[in-house]
């Protein structure tokens, strides 16, 4: 998808090594194919608003950041609810489509589905080109 993936937590690099060898490698052959970075002290998490100082941990979050360092999307979840990787992939594809075409992607957009062309002609007429049910077809 032409993206760079980084995983960051307050765990030490030794904990990441153990997690990769004893857990992740059993879920994904060879372990996850991206770096696991240590945020000891929560400095990175604090910048992104996910560091919980009282517990000394980064809350689970994911961020889509463009090549210029602009946060395009983010999701923060408590540990008991897992993330949806398919939705992350869809969002990355949508951002890439927007960047490549200048079109915008409505709710639930999937590659190959209709997009919208922003501009004054669209104002008040989105309903003519897109309906909520299209997100689920």
Protein backbone atom coordinates (compact mmCIF):
# COMPACT_ATOMS: atom_id res chain seq x y z
CA UNK A 1 0.00 0.00 0.00
CA UNK A 2 3.10 2.19 -0.06
CA UNK A 3 2.87 3.10 3.63
CA UNK A 4 5.24 2.84 6.57
CA UNK A 5 3.92 1.11 9.69
CA UNK A 6 5.36 1.70 13.14
CA UNK A 7 4.11 0.25 16.42
CA UNK A 8 4.90 2.25 19.54
CA UNK A 9 4.32 1.39 23.20
CA UNK A 10 5.81 2.18 26.58
CA UNK A 11 7.10 -1.40 26.77
CA UNK A 12 10.86 -1.90 26.60
CA UNK A 13 12.59 -3.23 23.51
CA UNK A 14 13.16 -6.46 25.44
CA UNK A 15 9.42 -6.83 26.09
CA UNK A 16 8.79 -6.17 22.39
CA UNK A 17 11.30 -8.86 21.49
CA UNK A 18 9.54 -11.36 23.75
CA UNK A 19 6.10 -10.30 22.46
CA UNK A 20 7.29 -10.74 18.88
CA UNK A 21 8.90 -14.14 19.51
CA UNK A 22 6.31 -15.69 21.83
CA UNK A 23 3.02 -14.15 20.68
CA UNK A 24 3.08 -12.28 17.39
CA UNK A 25 5.11 -14.93 15.56
CA UNK A 26 2.33 -17.42 16.38
CA UNK A 27 -0.30 -15.11 14.87
CA UNK A 28 1.69 -13.90 11.85
CA UNK A 29 4.36 -16.13 10.35
CA UNK A 30 7.71 -14.57 11.21
CA UNK A 31 6.08 -11.97 13.48
CA UNK A 32 4.83 -8.57 12.46
CA UNK A 33 6.85 -7.12 9.57
CA UNK A 34 7.24 -3.64 11.01
CA UNK A 35 9.24 -2.03 13.81
CA UNK A 36 8.07 -2.15 17.42
CA UNK A 37 9.33 1.05 19.04
CA UNK A 38 9.73 1.75 22.75
CA UNK A 39 8.21 4.95 24.17
CA UNK A 40 9.70 4.69 27.66
CA UNK A 41 8.39 7.66 29.63
CA UNK A 42 5.52 8.25 27.23
CA UNK A 43 6.97 11.23 25.38
CA UNK A 44 5.68 10.11 21.98
CA UNK A 45 2.30 9.12 23.42
CA UNK A 46 2.01 12.51 25.14
CA UNK A 47 2.54 14.33 21.83
CA UNK A 48 -0.28 12.27 20.27
CA UNK A 49 -2.55 12.57 23.32
CA UNK A 50 -2.57 8.88 24.21
CA UNK A 51 -0.19 8.72 27.15
CA UNK A 52 -1.93 7.89 30.43
CA UNK A 53 0.48 9.29 33.00
CA UNK A 54 -1.13 7.68 36.07
CA UNK A 55 -0.72 4.20 34.59
CA UNK A 56 2.50 4.97 32.72
CA UNK A 57 1.21 3.53 29.45
CA UNK A 58 0.19 4.65 26.01
CA UNK A 59 -3.51 3.99 25.35
CA UNK A 60 -4.12 2.03 22.14
CA UNK A 61 -4.36 4.37 19.22
CA UNK A 62 -3.64 4.38 15.55
CA UNK A 63 -2.78 7.34 13.40
CA UNK A 64 -2.73 7.88 9.66
CA UNK A 65 -0.09 10.50 8.97
CA UNK A 66 0.67 11.89 5.54
CA UNK A 67 4.22 12.35 4.19
CA UNK A 68 4.18 15.96 5.44
CA UNK A 69 3.54 14.83 9.03
CA UNK A 70 -0.12 15.86 9.06
CA UNK A 71 -2.46 13.58 11.03
CA UNK A 72 -5.26 12.65 8.62
CA UNK A 73 -7.05 10.15 10.83
CA UNK A 74 -6.86 8.65 14.27
CA UNK A 75 -8.64 6.10 16.40
CA UNK A 76 -8.14 5.58 20.13
CA UNK A 77 -9.61 2.50 21.83
CA UNK A 78 -9.45 1.05 25.31
CA UNK A 79 -7.65 -2.33 25.49
CA UNK A 80 -10.76 -4.50 25.72
CA UNK A 81 -11.89 -3.67 22.15
CA UNK A 82 -9.75 -4.79 19.22
CA UNK A 83 -8.98 -2.68 16.22
CA UNK A 84 -10.32 -3.34 12.72
CA UNK A 85 -7.41 -3.71 10.30
CA UNK A 86 -9.78 -3.91 7.31
CA UNK A 87 -11.12 -0.47 8.19
CA UNK A 88 -7.59 0.89 8.49
CA UNK A 89 -6.80 -0.46 5.01
CA UNK A 90 -10.01 1.10 3.63
CA UNK A 91 -9.13 4.47 5.12
CA UNK A 92 -5.59 4.38 3.72
CA UNK A 93 -6.97 3.52 0.28
CA UNK A 94 -9.48 6.38 0.60
CA UNK A 95 -6.79 8.91 1.55
CA UNK A 96 -4.59 7.71 -1.31
CA UNK A 97 -7.52 8.02 -3.73
CA UNK A 98 -8.31 11.55 -2.52
CA UNK A 99 -4.67 12.58 -2.87
CA UNK A 100 -4.40 11.11 -6.37
CA UNK A 101 -7.71 12.42 -7.78
CA UNK A 102 -8.94 15.38 -5.72
CA UNK A 103 -12.26 13.57 -5.34
CA UNK A 104 -13.72 12.88 -1.90
CA UNK A 105 -14.89 9.54 -0.58
CA UNK A 106 -18.26 9.35 1.17
CA UNK A 107 -19.01 7.26 4.25
CA UNK A 108 -18.17 3.60 3.82
CA UNK A 109 -16.45 4.18 0.47
CA UNK A 110 -14.65 1.18 -1.01
CA UNK A 111 -12.27 1.17 -4.00
CA UNK A 112 -14.29 1.15 -7.21
CA UNK A 113 -17.34 2.70 -5.54
CA UNK A 114 -18.66 6.19 -6.47
CA UNK A 115 -16.83 9.24 -5.19
CA UNK A 116 -17.83 12.88 -5.04
CA UNK A 117 -16.22 15.85 -6.74
CA UNK A 118 -16.08 18.76 -4.31
CA UNK A 119 -17.15 22.18 -5.45
CA UNK A 120 -20.04 24.65 -5.50
CA UNK A 121 -22.13 22.39 -7.75
CA UNK A 122 -22.17 19.71 -5.04
CA UNK A 123 -23.51 21.96 -2.27
CA UNK A 124 -27.03 20.89 -1.33
CA UNK A 125 -26.98 18.10 -3.91
CA UNK A 126 -24.93 15.35 -2.28
CA UNK A 127 -28.14 13.37 -1.81
CA UNK A 128 -28.51 13.18 -5.61
CA UNK A 129 -25.16 11.41 -5.96
CA UNK A 130 -24.84 9.45 -2.74
CA UNK A 131 -27.21 7.74 -0.32
CA UNK A 132 -26.28 6.10 3.03
CA UNK A 133 -27.33 2.66 1.75
CA UNK A 134 -24.46 2.87 -0.78
CA UNK A 135 -22.01 2.45 2.10
CA UNK A 136 -23.40 -1.03 2.75
CA UNK A 137 -24.02 -2.40 -0.75
